[in-house]
Structures are given as C-alpha cells and as structure tokens.
Amino acid sequence: SPEQAHRLVGRFEWIYTPKHASWLNMAELEFSALQRQCLHRRIPSLERLRSEVEAWVAARERAAITLNWQFSTQAARRTLGRHYETIRIN
C-alpha cells in the first residue's frame, strides 16, 4: 500500500535516475551534436571520417562541454505526479 511504502522509504538510499536524464539520453544528446556539427555532410573515406570525429571530440574536450540537466525533482513531481497514487500521511 502507499502508506507502507512511505514507511519503508526511509530505510533505503534512493539514487534517482529518471528515464529522461539517464546516461543513455546523455549519450544520445552527444551523438545528436556530433551529427549536427560534424557528420552533416558527405565524408569520402573511413580514414577521413575517423580524423573528423577525433578532431570534433578533441574540440569538445578542450571546450569542456558539459550537460546541464534541469529536470529537477520538483519538475518531475509536477510533470509525472498524475502517474502516482497520493500518499496520505497522518
């Protein structure tokens, strides 16, 4: 029941990795950037492709590109709250 689940929640260390912020989504974002910034044209050979991608990766590393995920717990509760039962705390 929701009440029993609420009592048990304190016994665990929760590490929340929402589907929308998982490592897979971050990898997909990187591949999307690679495609838009580097692979949006015809590259004539595998050797040239390899050097282009390596140059792109090196430039991203020099620029210290990071992902700033902004889907907070509060936003998750607002957005996904309708999918969960309401817990009544006495």
N, C-alpha and C. Protein backbone atom coordinates (compact mmCIF):
# COMPACT_ATOMS: atom_id res chain seq x y z
N SER A 1 0.84 -1.20 0.00
CA SER A 1 0.00 0.00 0.00
C SER A 1 0.88 1.25 0.00
N PRO A 2 0.35 2.38 -0.42
CA PRO A 2 1.15 3.61 -0.40
C PRO A 2 1.65 3.98 0.99
N GLU A 3 0.84 3.72 2.02
CA GLU A 3 1.26 4.06 3.38
C GLU A 3 2.46 3.21 3.81
N GLN A 4 2.42 1.91 3.51
CA GLN A 4 3.53 1.03 3.86
C GLN A 4 4.78 1.42 3.07
N ALA A 5 4.61 1.76 1.81
CA ALA A 5 5.75 2.20 1.00
C ALA A 5 6.38 3.45 1.59
N HIS A 6 5.57 4.38 2.05
CA HIS A 6 6.09 5.60 2.66
C HIS A 6 6.89 5.30 3.93
N ARG A 7 6.42 4.35 4.74
CA ARG A 7 7.17 3.97 5.95
C ARG A 7 8.52 3.35 5.58
N LEU A 8 8.57 2.58 4.51
CA LEU A 8 9.81 1.89 4.12
C LEU A 8 10.82 2.80 3.44
N VAL A 9 10.38 3.91 2.90
CA VAL A 9 11.26 4.75 2.09
C VAL A 9 12.48 5.24 2.87
N GLY A 10 12.35 5.43 4.15
CA GLY A 10 13.47 5.90 4.97
C GLY A 10 14.56 4.87 5.16
N ARG A 11 14.29 3.62 4.85
CA ARG A 11 15.27 2.55 5.05
C ARG A 11 16.23 2.41 3.88
N PHE A 12 16.01 3.12 2.81
CA PHE A 12 16.81 2.96 1.62
C PHE A 12 17.50 4.26 1.23
N GLU A 13 18.63 4.11 0.56
CA GLU A 13 19.27 5.28 -0.05
C GLU A 13 18.83 5.28 -1.51
N TRP A 14 18.04 6.26 -1.89
CA TRP A 14 17.49 6.32 -3.24
C TRP A 14 18.43 7.10 -4.14
N ILE A 15 18.78 6.52 -5.24
CA ILE A 15 19.56 7.20 -6.25
C ILE A 15 18.66 7.28 -7.47
N TYR A 16 18.08 8.44 -7.67
CA TYR A 16 17.05 8.62 -8.69
C TYR A 16 17.69 8.92 -10.04
N THR A 17 17.47 8.06 -10.99
CA THR A 17 17.93 8.29 -12.35
C THR A 17 16.71 8.21 -13.25
N PRO A 18 16.06 9.34 -13.47
CA PRO A 18 14.86 9.31 -14.30
C PRO A 18 15.19 8.91 -15.73
N LYS A 19 14.21 8.34 -16.37
CA LYS A 19 14.39 7.91 -17.76
C LYS A 19 14.86 9.07 -18.62
N HIS A 20 14.36 10.26 -18.36
CA HIS A 20 14.69 11.42 -19.18
C HIS A 20 16.09 11.97 -18.91
N ALA A 21 16.75 11.49 -17.87
CA ALA A 21 18.08 12.01 -17.54
C ALA A 21 19.10 10.90 -17.45
N SER A 22 18.80 9.78 -18.04
CA SER A 22 19.70 8.65 -17.93
C SER A 22 20.94 8.85 -18.78
N TRP A 23 21.94 8.01 -18.55
CA TRP A 23 23.18 8.08 -19.32
C TRP A 23 22.89 7.86 -20.80
N LEU A 24 21.86 7.07 -21.10
CA LEU A 24 21.53 6.81 -22.50
C LEU A 24 21.06 8.09 -23.18
N ASN A 25 20.23 8.86 -22.50
CA ASN A 25 19.78 10.13 -23.08
C ASN A 25 20.94 11.09 -23.27
N MET A 26 21.87 11.10 -22.34
CA MET A 26 23.04 11.98 -22.47
C MET A 26 23.90 11.54 -23.66
N ALA A 27 24.05 10.23 -23.83
CA ALA A 27 24.81 9.73 -24.98
C ALA A 27 24.10 10.10 -26.28
N GLU A 28 22.77 10.00 -26.29
CA GLU A 28 22.02 10.37 -27.48
C GLU A 28 22.18 11.86 -27.80
N LEU A 29 22.25 12.69 -26.77
CA LEU A 29 22.48 14.12 -27.00
C LEU A 29 23.85 14.36 -27.63
N GLU A 30 24.86 13.62 -27.16
CA GLU A 30 26.19 13.76 -27.74
C GLU A 30 26.21 13.31 -29.20
N PHE A 31 25.56 12.19 -29.50
CA PHE A 31 25.51 11.74 -30.89
C PHE A 31 24.76 12.71 -31.78
N SER A 32 23.72 13.32 -31.24
CA SER A 32 22.98 14.33 -31.99
C SER A 32 23.86 15.53 -32.31
N ALA A 33 24.63 15.99 -31.32
CA ALA A 33 25.55 17.11 -31.54
C ALA A 33 26.62 16.72 -32.56
N LEU A 34 27.14 15.51 -32.47
CA LEU A 34 28.14 15.03 -33.43
C LEU A 34 27.56 15.07 -34.84
N GLN A 35 26.36 14.59 -34.99
CA GLN A 35 25.74 14.57 -36.32
C GLN A 35 25.54 15.99 -36.86
N ARG A 36 25.01 16.87 -36.02
CA ARG A 36 24.73 18.24 -36.48
C ARG A 36 25.99 19.04 -36.76
N GLN A 37 27.04 18.84 -35.96
CA GLN A 37 28.23 19.67 -36.05
C GLN A 37 29.33 19.07 -36.92
N CYS A 38 29.30 17.77 -37.14
CA CYS A 38 30.42 17.13 -37.82
C CYS A 38 29.99 16.23 -38.99
N LEU A 39 28.92 15.50 -38.84
CA LEU A 39 28.56 14.48 -39.82
C LEU A 39 27.44 14.91 -40.76
N HIS A 40 27.15 16.18 -40.83
CA HIS A 40 26.03 16.66 -41.64
C HIS A 40 26.36 16.74 -43.13
N ARG A 41 27.52 16.26 -43.53
CA ARG A 41 27.94 16.31 -44.92
C ARG A 41 28.52 14.96 -45.32
N ARG A 42 28.73 14.77 -46.58
CA ARG A 42 29.32 13.52 -47.07
C ARG A 42 30.82 13.52 -46.74
N ILE A 43 31.28 12.43 -46.17
CA ILE A 43 32.70 12.27 -45.85
C ILE A 43 33.19 11.10 -46.70
N PRO A 44 34.19 11.33 -47.55
CA PRO A 44 34.53 10.38 -48.61
C PRO A 44 35.18 9.07 -48.18
N SER A 45 35.80 9.01 -47.00
CA SER A 45 36.52 7.78 -46.64
C SER A 45 36.44 7.54 -45.13
N LEU A 46 36.65 6.29 -44.77
CA LEU A 46 36.65 5.93 -43.35
C LEU A 46 37.79 6.64 -42.63
N GLU A 47 38.92 6.76 -43.26
CA GLU A 47 40.07 7.44 -42.65
C GLU A 47 39.74 8.91 -42.37
N ARG A 48 39.12 9.57 -43.32
CA ARG A 48 38.73 10.97 -43.14
C ARG A 48 37.65 11.09 -42.06
N LEU A 49 36.71 10.17 -42.05
CA LEU A 49 35.66 10.16 -41.02
C LEU A 49 36.29 10.05 -39.64
N ARG A 50 37.21 9.13 -39.49
CA ARG A 50 37.88 8.93 -38.21
C ARG A 50 38.59 10.21 -37.76
N SER A 51 39.32 10.86 -38.66
CA SER A 51 40.04 12.07 -38.27
C SER A 51 39.09 13.22 -37.96
N GLU A 52 37.98 13.32 -38.70
CA GLU A 52 36.99 14.37 -38.43
C GLU A 52 36.36 14.18 -37.05
N VAL A 53 35.97 12.95 -36.74
CA VAL A 53 35.34 12.68 -35.44
C VAL A 53 36.34 12.90 -34.31
N GLU A 54 37.57 12.46 -34.49
CA GLU A 54 38.59 12.68 -33.46
C GLU A 54 38.83 14.17 -33.23
N ALA A 55 38.84 14.95 -34.29
CA ALA A 55 39.02 16.41 -34.15
C ALA A 55 37.82 17.01 -33.42
N TRP A 56 36.62 16.56 -33.74
CA TRP A 56 35.41 17.07 -33.10
C TRP A 56 35.44 16.74 -31.60
N VAL A 57 35.80 15.50 -31.26
CA VAL A 57 35.86 15.09 -29.85
C VAL A 57 36.92 15.92 -29.11
N ALA A 58 38.08 16.12 -29.72
CA ALA A 58 39.14 16.91 -29.08
C ALA A 58 38.68 18.34 -28.84
N ALA A 59 37.97 18.93 -29.79
CA ALA A 59 37.47 20.30 -29.62
C ALA A 59 36.45 20.37 -28.49
N ARG A 60 35.57 19.37 -28.39
CA ARG A 60 34.59 19.34 -27.29
C ARG A 60 35.29 19.20 -25.95
N GLU A 61 36.32 18.38 -25.90
CA GLU A 61 37.06 18.22 -24.64
C GLU A 61 37.80 19.49 -24.26
N ARG A 62 38.41 20.17 -25.22
CA ARG A 62 39.10 21.44 -24.93
C ARG A 62 38.12 22.49 -24.43
N ALA A 63 36.93 22.49 -25.00
CA ALA A 63 35.91 23.47 -24.60
C ALA A 63 35.22 23.07 -23.29
N ALA A 64 35.53 21.89 -22.78
CA ALA A 64 34.94 21.38 -21.54
C ALA A 64 33.41 21.42 -21.59
N ILE A 65 32.87 20.88 -22.67
CA ILE A 65 31.42 20.85 -22.85
C ILE A 65 30.82 19.89 -21.83
N THR A 66 29.80 20.34 -21.11
CA THR A 66 29.10 19.51 -20.14
C THR A 66 27.60 19.61 -20.38
N LEU A 67 26.88 18.67 -19.83
CA LEU A 67 25.42 18.71 -19.89
C LEU A 67 24.91 19.28 -18.59
N ASN A 68 23.98 20.19 -18.69
CA ASN A 68 23.36 20.78 -17.51
C ASN A 68 21.91 20.31 -17.47
N TRP A 69 21.69 19.15 -16.84
CA TRP A 69 20.35 18.58 -16.81
C TRP A 69 19.48 19.39 -15.86
N GLN A 70 18.31 19.80 -16.29
CA GLN A 70 17.47 20.69 -15.49
C GLN A 70 16.12 20.09 -15.14
N PHE A 71 15.97 18.79 -15.27
CA PHE A 71 14.72 18.15 -14.91
C PHE A 71 14.80 17.81 -13.43
N SER A 72 14.38 18.74 -12.58
CA SER A 72 14.52 18.60 -11.13
C SER A 72 13.45 17.67 -10.55
N THR A 73 13.62 17.32 -9.28
CA THR A 73 12.63 16.50 -8.59
C THR A 73 11.29 17.21 -8.57
N GLN A 74 11.29 18.52 -8.33
CA GLN A 74 10.04 19.27 -8.31
C GLN A 74 9.36 19.23 -9.68
N ALA A 75 10.15 19.38 -10.75
CA ALA A 75 9.58 19.31 -12.10
C ALA A 75 9.03 17.92 -12.38
N ALA A 76 9.73 16.90 -11.91
CA ALA A 76 9.26 15.52 -12.10
C ALA A 76 7.94 15.32 -11.38
N ARG A 77 7.82 15.84 -10.18
CA ARG A 77 6.56 15.68 -9.44
C ARG A 77 5.42 16.40 -10.14
N ARG A 78 5.70 17.59 -10.68
CA ARG A 78 4.66 18.32 -11.42
C ARG A 78 4.28 17.57 -12.69
N THR A 79 5.27 17.13 -13.43
CA THR A 79 5.03 16.52 -14.73
C THR A 79 4.48 15.10 -14.62
N LEU A 80 5.00 14.33 -13.68
CA LEU A 80 4.66 12.91 -13.61
C LEU A 80 3.74 12.55 -12.46
N GLY A 81 3.34 13.53 -11.68
CA GLY A 81 2.53 13.28 -10.49
C GLY A 81 1.25 12.53 -10.75
N ARG A 82 0.65 12.73 -11.90
CA ARG A 82 -0.62 12.07 -12.20
C ARG A 82 -0.46 10.55 -12.33
N HIS A 83 0.77 10.06 -12.44
CA HIS A 83 1.01 8.63 -12.61
C HIS A 83 1.17 7.90 -11.29
N TYR A 84 1.17 8.63 -10.18
CA TYR A 84 1.40 8.01 -8.89
C TYR A 84 0.21 8.21 -7.97
N GLU A 85 0.02 7.23 -7.07
CA GLU A 85 -1.05 7.37 -6.10
C GLU A 85 -0.69 8.43 -5.07
N THR A 86 -1.68 9.06 -4.50
CA THR A 86 -1.46 10.04 -3.45
C THR A 86 -1.19 9.31 -2.13
N ILE A 87 -0.18 9.75 -1.41
CA ILE A 87 0.14 9.15 -0.11
C ILE A 87 -0.45 10.03 0.97
N ARG A 88 -1.23 9.42 1.84
CA ARG A 88 -1.82 10.15 2.96
C ARG A 88 -0.96 9.95 4.18
N ILE A 89 -0.40 11.04 4.71
CA ILE A 89 0.45 10.97 5.90
C ILE A 89 -0.34 11.54 7.06
N ASN A 90 -0.47 10.74 8.12
CA ASN A 90 -1.26 11.19 9.30
C ASN A 90 -0.42 11.98 10.23
